[in-house]
């Protein structure tokens, strides 16, 4: 059977080891909990060779606004055969059929592939990484109170995030909460919520995000608290517009790893609040 005729199916929970093997081969950071999130809240498409999954793509809808496309992975021996393009087109068609806007976060190489498929640039962010943070972050305002997230404040934090992201994604946030306890934080000033940070463990690094904040001082205070309690490699996917925070992170040992471009299908106008959007969850979730 030609590769163009190989059927596209759905990933089964029992096939998670195959999906994790694709992540490891690509050197990506996702773990089983991330795949389980896609299975619970979205759709994971799969192409098989015999009984083995050799290619995947995932979609994750957010309300009535948009749906993310990610986890486009192809086993090395099956690349350059059109499998990724077939999976992408399936994702795009299915999302458009529901009336949502397809969104994805592209590497520079991916951007050249996605533009002919109808995607337009919206804004950029850069992955910053650090394994040895030699300096402490300084400059957080003393009036900012950083606290661990609790049940009482959780509904308010979900509403705060929805206002900044542009659509409710509380189901996803609930699955992130608790995966990296040191990053389950919120900030307040004079009793008013001014920031939110979550994080998750990864295959190669701890990943901090989303980071939503009213200003640089609040974002800095949240990161300062989290980084003080996290050992090892850390990823932060920071909006390119947040130059002051980037300078502070680089001064304490972070370095840029790779750029990403957020792309929307058929439009370039972003739906989130650029002022409060500091760091994204990651290119797989938005």
Protein backbone atom coordinates (compact mmCIF):
# COMPACT_ATOMS: atom_id res chain seq x y z
CA UNK A 1 0.00 0.00 0.00
CA UNK A 2 1.32 3.46 -0.91
CA UNK A 3 2.02 5.80 1.99
CA UNK A 4 -0.66 8.15 0.64
CA UNK A 5 -3.18 5.34 1.12
CA UNK A 6 -2.19 4.22 4.61
CA UNK A 7 -5.21 4.93 6.84
CA UNK A 8 -5.12 7.54 9.58
CA UNK A 9 -6.54 6.19 12.82
CA UNK A 10 -6.72 7.28 16.46
CA UNK A 11 -4.07 6.59 19.04
CA UNK A 12 -5.18 4.06 21.65
CA UNK A 13 -4.10 4.33 25.30
CA UNK A 14 -2.28 1.03 24.93
CA UNK A 15 -0.11 2.62 22.22
CA UNK A 16 1.35 5.30 24.49
CA UNK A 17 4.75 3.52 24.55
CA UNK A 18 4.96 3.95 20.76
CA UNK A 19 4.10 7.64 21.09
CA UNK A 20 6.69 8.10 23.84
CA UNK A 21 9.29 6.39 21.65
CA UNK A 22 8.62 8.96 18.90
CA UNK A 23 9.15 11.78 21.41
CA UNK A 24 12.42 10.26 22.62
CA UNK A 25 13.69 9.79 19.08
CA UNK A 26 12.92 13.45 18.29
CA UNK A 27 14.57 14.63 21.52
CA UNK A 28 11.39 16.36 22.68
CA UNK A 29 10.34 16.91 26.28
CA UNK A 30 6.84 15.41 26.55
CA UNK A 31 5.99 12.54 28.88
CA UNK A 32 3.06 10.13 29.19
CA UNK A 33 0.99 12.68 31.15
CA UNK A 34 1.08 15.03 28.15
CA UNK A 35 -0.16 12.33 25.78
CA UNK A 36 -2.87 11.42 28.28
CA UNK A 37 -4.00 15.05 28.28
CA UNK A 38 -4.45 14.95 24.52
CA UNK A 39 -6.35 11.67 24.75
CA UNK A 40 -8.64 13.09 27.47
CA UNK A 41 -9.26 16.57 26.05
CA UNK A 42 -8.47 16.35 22.35
CA UNK A 43 -7.66 13.92 19.57
CA UNK A 44 -4.46 12.08 18.70
CA UNK A 45 -4.23 10.78 15.14
CA UNK A 46 -1.91 7.90 14.34
CA UNK A 47 -0.48 6.15 11.31
CA UNK A 48 0.74 2.60 11.78
CA UNK A 49 3.12 0.22 10.09
CA UNK A 50 1.89 -3.18 11.07
CA UNK A 51 1.09 -3.01 14.78
CA UNK A 52 3.46 -0.10 15.49
CA UNK A 53 2.59 3.61 15.50
CA UNK A 54 5.06 5.41 13.20
CA UNK A 55 3.50 8.89 13.01
CA UNK A 56 1.23 11.09 15.12
CA UNK A 57 -0.49 14.46 15.26
CA UNK A 58 -2.71 15.91 17.98
CA UNK A 59 -5.46 18.52 18.19
CA UNK A 60 -6.71 20.24 21.31
CA UNK A 61 -9.84 22.44 21.13
CA UNK A 62 -10.28 25.52 23.30
CA UNK A 63 -13.94 26.46 23.65
CA UNK A 64 -15.55 27.88 20.53
CA UNK A 65 -12.49 29.87 19.51
CA UNK A 66 -9.55 27.77 18.39
CA UNK A 67 -7.85 24.39 18.45
CA UNK A 68 -4.16 23.65 18.75
CA UNK A 69 -2.26 21.36 16.39
CA UNK A 70 0.89 19.73 17.72
CA UNK A 71 2.81 16.51 18.33
CA UNK A 72 3.43 16.02 14.60
CA UNK A 73 5.99 13.24 14.82
CA UNK A 74 7.23 10.71 12.26
CA UNK A 75 9.61 7.85 12.95
CA UNK A 76 12.96 8.53 11.32
CA UNK A 77 12.76 5.66 8.83
CA UNK A 78 9.41 6.88 7.47
CA UNK A 79 10.15 10.59 6.99
CA UNK A 80 9.96 12.43 3.66
CA UNK A 81 7.07 10.24 2.55
CA UNK A 82 4.30 12.78 3.07
CA UNK A 83 2.98 11.35 6.34
CA UNK A 84 3.34 14.57 8.32
CA UNK A 85 1.57 16.59 5.62
CA UNK A 86 -1.29 14.09 5.51
CA UNK A 87 -1.69 14.29 9.28
CA UNK A 88 -1.55 18.09 9.24
CA UNK A 89 -4.23 18.33 6.58
CA UNK A 90 -6.43 15.94 8.53
CA UNK A 91 -6.05 18.10 11.64
CA UNK A 92 -6.76 21.33 9.74
CA UNK A 93 -9.80 19.91 7.96
CA UNK A 94 -11.31 18.49 11.14
CA UNK A 95 -10.79 21.74 13.07
CA UNK A 96 -12.23 23.91 10.31
CA UNK A 97 -15.24 21.60 10.10
CA UNK A 98 -16.07 22.49 13.70
CA UNK A 99 -15.85 26.24 13.02
CA UNK A 100 -12.69 26.75 15.08
CA UNK A 101 -9.44 28.46 14.10
CA UNK A 102 -6.44 26.10 13.76
CA UNK A 103 -3.39 27.37 15.67
CA UNK A 104 0.12 26.03 16.01
CA UNK A 105 3.57 27.08 17.20
CA UNK A 106 6.20 26.65 14.53
CA UNK A 107 9.96 26.31 14.51
CA UNK A 108 11.70 28.20 11.69
CA UNK A 109 11.78 25.03 9.59
CA UNK A 110 8.14 24.27 10.33
CA UNK A 111 7.07 27.80 9.47
CA UNK A 112 8.09 27.29 5.83
CA UNK A 113 5.87 24.19 5.73
CA UNK A 114 2.83 25.75 7.41
CA UNK A 115 2.60 29.00 5.46
CA UNK A 116 1.57 27.29 2.18
CA UNK A 117 -1.11 25.45 4.16
CA UNK A 118 -2.81 28.75 5.05
CA UNK A 119 -1.14 29.73 8.31
CA UNK A 120 -0.05 33.32 9.03
CA UNK A 121 2.40 34.69 11.60
CA UNK A 122 0.88 36.17 14.76
CA UNK A 123 3.76 36.63 17.23
CA UNK A 124 6.96 35.02 18.42
CA UNK A 125 8.47 33.48 21.51
CA UNK A 126 11.81 31.92 22.35
CA UNK A 127 12.68 28.91 24.45
CA UNK A 128 15.16 29.85 27.16
CA UNK A 129 16.99 27.06 28.97
CA UNK A 130 19.20 26.79 32.01
CA UNK A 131 20.76 23.97 33.98
CA UNK A 132 23.00 26.14 36.18
CA UNK A 133 21.46 29.33 37.45
CA UNK A 134 24.48 31.15 38.84
CA UNK A 135 22.75 34.36 39.90
CA UNK A 136 19.52 35.05 41.77
CA UNK A 137 16.82 37.06 40.04
CA UNK A 138 16.58 40.51 41.55
CA UNK A 139 14.14 43.40 41.36
CA UNK A 140 10.79 41.93 42.43
CA UNK A 141 8.62 44.51 44.17
CA UNK A 142 8.12 43.92 47.88
CA UNK A 143 4.39 44.63 47.71
CA UNK A 144 3.83 41.52 45.57
CA UNK A 145 2.70 38.48 47.53
CA UNK A 146 3.56 35.13 45.92
CA UNK A 147 1.62 32.17 47.29
CA UNK A 148 1.02 28.52 46.51
CA UNK A 149 -2.22 27.83 44.68
CA UNK A 150 -5.05 26.50 46.83
CA UNK A 151 -8.60 25.36 46.16
CA UNK A 152 -10.15 28.61 47.37
CA UNK A 153 -8.37 30.74 44.74
CA UNK A 154 -8.36 28.21 41.88
CA UNK A 155 -11.62 29.33 40.19
CA UNK A 156 -10.43 32.94 40.24
CA UNK A 157 -7.10 31.92 38.69
CA UNK A 158 -8.85 30.04 35.89
CA UNK A 159 -10.94 33.12 35.15
CA UNK A 160 -7.82 35.30 35.26
CA UNK A 161 -6.08 33.01 32.77
CA UNK A 162 -9.12 32.94 30.46
CA UNK A 163 -9.19 36.74 30.34
CA UNK A 164 -5.52 36.80 29.31
CA UNK A 165 -5.52 33.80 26.97
CA UNK A 166 -8.76 34.82 25.29
CA UNK A 167 -10.66 31.60 25.93
CA UNK A 168 -11.28 29.29 28.87
CA UNK A 169 -8.75 26.48 29.17
CA UNK A 170 -9.42 25.49 32.78
CA UNK A 171 -9.68 21.78 31.88
CA UNK A 172 -6.10 21.85 30.65
CA UNK A 173 -4.87 23.94 33.59
CA UNK A 174 -6.41 21.43 35.98
CA UNK A 175 -4.33 18.68 34.41
CA UNK A 176 -1.17 20.79 34.68
CA UNK A 177 -1.75 21.74 38.28
CA UNK A 178 0.26 19.57 40.64
CA UNK A 179 2.70 18.18 38.06
CA UNK A 180 5.45 20.55 39.23
CA UNK A 181 4.43 21.64 42.75
CA UNK A 182 7.17 24.27 43.07
CA UNK A 183 5.61 26.16 40.16
CA UNK A 184 1.97 26.08 41.35
CA UNK A 185 1.97 29.77 42.23
CA UNK A 186 -0.06 32.94 42.01
CA UNK A 187 0.73 36.56 42.79
CA UNK A 188 -1.44 39.17 44.46
CA UNK A 189 -1.13 42.83 45.31
CA UNK A 190 -3.45 44.39 47.89
CA UNK A 191 -5.70 41.34 47.69
CA UNK A 192 -6.04 41.38 43.89
CA UNK A 193 -4.68 38.59 41.66
CA UNK A 194 -1.85 39.92 39.50
CA UNK A 195 -0.20 36.78 38.16
CA UNK A 196 -0.28 33.02 37.63
CA UNK A 197 2.41 30.40 37.07
CA UNK A 198 2.18 26.66 36.50
CA UNK A 199 4.70 24.08 35.33
CA UNK A 200 5.22 20.43 34.54
CA UNK A 201 7.87 17.79 34.66
CA UNK A 202 9.37 16.71 31.37
CA UNK A 203 11.50 14.00 29.81
CA UNK A 204 14.53 16.32 29.57
CA UNK A 205 13.63 19.40 31.65
CA UNK A 206 11.10 21.04 33.94
CA UNK A 207 8.92 23.38 31.90
CA UNK A 208 7.56 26.60 33.42
CA UNK A 209 4.39 28.01 31.91
CA UNK A 210 1.93 29.47 31.48
CA UNK A 211 3.20 32.67 33.04
CA UNK A 212 0.49 35.33 33.08
CA UNK A 213 1.23 38.61 34.86
CA UNK A 214 0.23 42.24 35.07
CA UNK A 215 3.80 43.52 34.79
CA UNK A 216 7.49 42.58 34.73
CA UNK A 217 7.86 42.81 38.50
CA UNK A 218 5.08 40.28 39.08
CA UNK A 219 6.42 37.89 36.43
CA UNK A 220 9.87 38.16 37.97
CA UNK A 221 8.58 37.50 41.49
CA UNK A 222 6.76 34.33 40.36
CA UNK A 223 9.80 32.98 38.53
CA UNK A 224 12.10 33.86 41.39
CA UNK A 225 10.02 31.79 43.82
CA UNK A 226 9.74 28.80 41.46
CA UNK A 227 13.36 28.72 40.32
CA UNK A 228 14.62 28.77 43.89
CA UNK A 229 12.94 25.40 44.45
CA UNK A 230 13.67 23.63 41.14
CA UNK A 231 16.86 21.74 40.37
CA UNK A 232 18.17 20.70 36.97
CA UNK A 233 17.31 21.83 33.46
CA UNK A 234 14.45 24.34 33.07
CA UNK A 235 12.62 25.52 29.95
CA UNK A 236 10.74 28.83 29.72
CA UNK A 237 9.02 29.72 26.43
CA UNK A 238 9.12 33.50 26.78
CA UNK A 239 7.30 35.99 24.56
CA UNK A 240 9.79 37.94 22.44
CA UNK A 241 8.14 41.20 23.48
CA UNK A 242 9.18 40.69 27.13
CA UNK A 243 12.70 42.03 26.66
CA UNK A 244 13.28 43.17 30.24
CA UNK A 245 12.40 39.77 31.69
CA UNK A 246 14.50 38.04 29.07
CA UNK A 247 17.49 40.19 30.02
CA UNK A 248 17.00 39.28 33.70
CA UNK A 249 16.79 35.57 32.90
CA UNK A 250 19.86 35.63 30.69
CA UNK A 251 21.76 37.50 33.40
CA UNK A 252 21.10 34.62 35.80
CA UNK A 253 22.18 31.86 33.43
CA UNK A 254 19.40 31.26 30.90
CA UNK A 255 20.28 31.01 27.22
CA UNK A 256 18.10 30.96 24.08
CA UNK A 257 17.63 27.52 22.57
CA UNK A 258 15.23 28.04 19.67
CA UNK A 259 12.62 30.51 18.38
CA UNK A 260 8.97 29.75 17.69
CA UNK A 261 6.30 31.60 15.75
CA UNK A 262 2.65 31.36 16.76
CA UNK A 263 0.64 30.91 13.58
CA UNK A 264 -3.11 31.07 12.98
CA UNK A 265 -4.89 29.59 10.01
CA UNK A 266 -6.45 32.21 7.77
CA UNK A 267 -5.70 35.15 10.06
CA UNK A 268 -2.85 36.83 11.90
CA UNK A 269 -4.73 38.70 14.64
CA UNK A 270 -3.95 37.13 18.01
CA UNK A 271 -6.74 36.39 20.49
CA UNK A 272 -4.71 36.63 23.69
CA UNK A 273 -3.63 39.70 25.68
CA UNK A 274 -0.02 40.54 24.69
CA UNK A 275 0.52 42.67 27.78
CA UNK A 276 -0.16 39.84 30.23
CA UNK A 277 1.16 36.92 28.17
CA UNK A 278 4.73 36.33 29.35
CA UNK A 279 5.39 32.64 28.80
CA UNK A 280 3.27 30.00 27.07
CA UNK A 281 2.56 26.50 28.35
CA UNK A 282 4.60 25.15 25.45
CA UNK A 283 4.21 24.73 21.70
CA UNK A 284 2.18 21.56 22.25
CA UNK A 285 -0.52 23.29 24.33
CA UNK A 286 -0.37 27.01 23.58
